């Protein structure tokens, strides 16, 4: 049993039981499963997750044609885009084989098949699949180090990430501007993990989530007996972050009277606990974030100008999700896979209507909203496909600003490519089909748009 688990998984789709048996015998060095029609083939793909599939296009109820076989091919690739499918076809069905390759099949082999030649094709398919899986693992391990937890292909957000990497080694105060749910705390943690303070503590506090009467004691701490209920000496969050990074989330909601005390700390780098007279030196790197318009708050006398300039030595703006080209579909696939695994479900797929709804929705709640939406859809979906109804979204038309003709063409091509790759979950063959161009054209576009395969 353990030996079988270590074997590579091969699925044979063949309705001729005699030929099916011959293929089984020919590939006895693999863990072989077999299917004779579309339904059993899809069940086998879900259950066994084979790396390589051999399939006859002439499947019932159309054994003399290719309609059923091509539909099965399409559904397998939608279910498992990385699976390598080798089509077995007769000499007279060359056009069907070419159609299968166009749809994303890895290769084709003519019947009657030569056992040794077919074995080489299958072996090469397994080898390619293994290399691609290893590359994916390497890419994931590399992407985890700079900005852990951030998933994007958007140029503006990638630029923000590069700025994070630039300023992380210094001790300047950084202000992160962005709507709620855009990932401000993720970038704040990245600043910490890429700095010399990474071995010390990262302490965060949300100024909007703590009542004003408690916020001062949370920030600066208090001495025993300083007020009713102060039964012991308690250090504040700033003091607890000594040597590390202190993250002030939603700093625009900081009460005006506390702004002066925070400003003194930033100037003197000492704090006083409530009820104490002794000054305590604290060495922390300050990072803050807000979704509010601080210049407008300053105009209205609600935020101190001197504090603003102390906090905003470096300002980094995080674009909202609705402005991040291709990221909605990219995140949707990520959260779908995450919650399918968490809920113990087979990997689901999005219908075309669902993908269109995701692309057109405004996502005012940003990443947090799309995560909750996909989680709900995964739980509510009845079949193998997540429908637009499962998502419960209303669609809106996207708008674009006018630019010069060359810029528009280049921008539209890159945006279309990013969307196609996102819809195809990175599968170049499927993306080329969606855009109606050849694979070399896709690779050329990827190179011009700076997108790595």
Foldseek 3Di string as FASTA:
>chain_A
DVQQVPFAEEEEADQPVVVVVVVCVLPVSHNYDYHDFLVVVVVCCLVPVHQEYEYEQLGPPRNPDRPRSLVSLLVSCLQPVRRAYEYEEAPVCVVVQVVSVLSPHNYYAYPVGDSVVVVVVRVVSVVVSVVVVVVVVVVVVVVCQQQHPDDAPFPQQVVLSVVLLVCLADQAFEEEEDAAQLCPVSSVLSSFCNYPLVVFDEFEDEQVPDDLVCVLCQAANAADPLDPPRHHGDGHRQQRRASGAYEYEACLNRFPVVLVQVLVCLVVQWGAHRPGDDTHHGDYRYYYYHHDDVVVCVVVVGHDPSSVCRNHPDYRYRYAQLPRQLVQLLLLQVLQVVLCVVVVHRRAGEDPQLLQQSNFARPSNGSVVSNVLSNQQSVPDDDRYRYNVSSVGDGDDDDDDDDDPVVVVLVVLLSLLSNLCSNSVNNLSSSCVVVVHDSVVSVVNCVVNVHDD
